């Protein structure tokens, strides 16, 4: 097999893996902080976000916030104090 054919074969074999090497970076220098739906709507998609829960919070609230505003293609951290995740605006029309 000629060197040109080998190179083409290697290139074609590596092409499907090219998507695996793509790394999406999240700006670590900025943080959108919100406590209400109105404040959340000011965040930009792809931005690191922090939902700060109020004092009297039920256990479902952090999960509801994550369901509405978090991009599940990135890690999501939550507890009764709030949620930290990468913000998405894809489900804003579902927030009532």
Protein backbone atom coordinates (compact mmCIF):
# COMPACT_ATOMS: atom_id res chain seq x y z
CA UNK A 1 0.00 0.00 0.00
CA UNK A 2 1.39 3.39 -0.94
CA UNK A 3 2.21 5.95 1.77
CA UNK A 4 -0.48 8.27 0.43
CA UNK A 5 -3.15 5.57 0.76
CA UNK A 6 -1.97 4.75 4.29
CA UNK A 7 -2.19 8.41 5.28
CA UNK A 8 -5.68 8.71 3.81
CA UNK A 9 -6.78 5.54 5.61
CA UNK A 10 -5.44 6.80 8.95
CA UNK A 11 -7.15 10.16 8.40
CA UNK A 12 -10.49 8.52 7.64
CA UNK A 13 -10.18 6.21 10.64
CA UNK A 14 -9.48 9.15 12.96
CA UNK A 15 -12.32 11.32 11.63
CA UNK A 16 -15.09 9.75 13.78
CA UNK A 17 -13.00 10.36 16.90
CA UNK A 18 -12.57 14.07 16.19
CA UNK A 19 -15.78 14.89 18.07
CA UNK A 20 -14.45 13.17 21.18
CA UNK A 21 -11.52 15.55 21.34
CA UNK A 22 -13.65 18.68 21.30
CA UNK A 23 -13.66 20.23 24.74
CA UNK A 24 -16.21 22.86 25.63
CA UNK A 25 -14.82 25.32 28.08
CA UNK A 26 -16.87 27.25 30.60
CA UNK A 27 -15.70 30.72 31.60
CA UNK A 28 -14.52 30.25 35.18
CA UNK A 29 -14.08 33.99 35.73
CA UNK A 30 -17.79 34.84 35.60
CA UNK A 31 -20.72 33.65 37.68
CA UNK A 32 -24.37 34.49 37.19
CA UNK A 33 -26.07 34.48 40.61
CA UNK A 34 -29.84 34.36 40.94
CA UNK A 35 -32.56 33.71 43.52
CA UNK A 36 -35.67 34.24 41.40
CA UNK A 37 -36.88 33.29 37.93
CA UNK A 38 -36.67 36.92 36.84
CA UNK A 39 -33.01 37.08 37.87
CA UNK A 40 -32.29 33.72 36.17
CA UNK A 41 -33.58 35.07 32.87
CA UNK A 42 -30.69 37.58 32.94
CA UNK A 43 -28.13 34.75 32.78
CA UNK A 44 -26.64 33.75 29.45
CA UNK A 45 -26.63 30.23 28.07
CA UNK A 46 -23.29 28.49 28.68
CA UNK A 47 -22.48 30.69 31.68
CA UNK A 48 -21.60 29.26 35.06
CA UNK A 49 -24.57 29.92 37.34
CA UNK A 50 -25.41 29.74 41.02
CA UNK A 51 -28.94 29.59 42.37
CA UNK A 52 -28.89 30.86 45.95
CA UNK A 53 -31.77 29.37 47.89
CA UNK A 54 -33.58 31.46 50.47
CA UNK A 55 -33.82 30.61 54.16
CA UNK A 56 -37.08 28.67 54.04
CA UNK A 57 -36.58 26.28 51.16
CA UNK A 58 -38.28 22.98 50.47
CA UNK A 59 -36.25 19.99 49.30
CA UNK A 60 -37.75 20.04 45.82
CA UNK A 61 -36.68 23.59 44.97
CA UNK A 62 -33.03 22.84 44.05
CA UNK A 63 -34.16 20.00 41.79
CA UNK A 64 -36.80 22.21 40.18
CA UNK A 65 -34.17 24.88 39.53
CA UNK A 66 -31.76 22.31 38.05
CA UNK A 67 -34.54 20.93 35.82
CA UNK A 68 -35.37 24.39 34.52
CA UNK A 69 -31.95 26.04 34.18
CA UNK A 70 -29.08 23.51 34.15
CA UNK A 71 -27.29 22.11 31.13
CA UNK A 72 -27.03 18.40 31.92
CA UNK A 73 -24.11 18.01 29.51
CA UNK A 74 -22.02 19.50 32.34
CA UNK A 75 -21.75 18.62 36.05
CA UNK A 76 -24.54 19.85 38.35
CA UNK A 77 -23.98 20.38 42.07
CA UNK A 78 -26.90 20.94 44.39
CA UNK A 79 -28.02 20.70 48.00
CA UNK A 80 -30.58 22.47 50.18
CA UNK A 81 -28.51 25.67 49.95
CA UNK A 82 -28.67 25.99 46.18
CA UNK A 83 -27.51 24.81 42.76
CA UNK A 84 -24.33 25.41 40.78
CA UNK A 85 -24.32 24.45 37.11
CA UNK A 86 -23.82 25.64 33.55
CA UNK A 87 -26.89 27.69 32.64
CA UNK A 88 -29.11 26.85 29.68
CA UNK A 89 -31.97 28.88 28.30
CA UNK A 90 -33.41 25.96 26.29
CA UNK A 91 -36.21 25.36 28.83
CA UNK A 92 -37.04 28.96 29.80
CA UNK A 93 -40.43 28.67 28.12
CA UNK A 94 -41.31 25.89 30.60
CA UNK A 95 -40.73 28.09 33.67
CA UNK A 96 -43.98 29.48 34.97
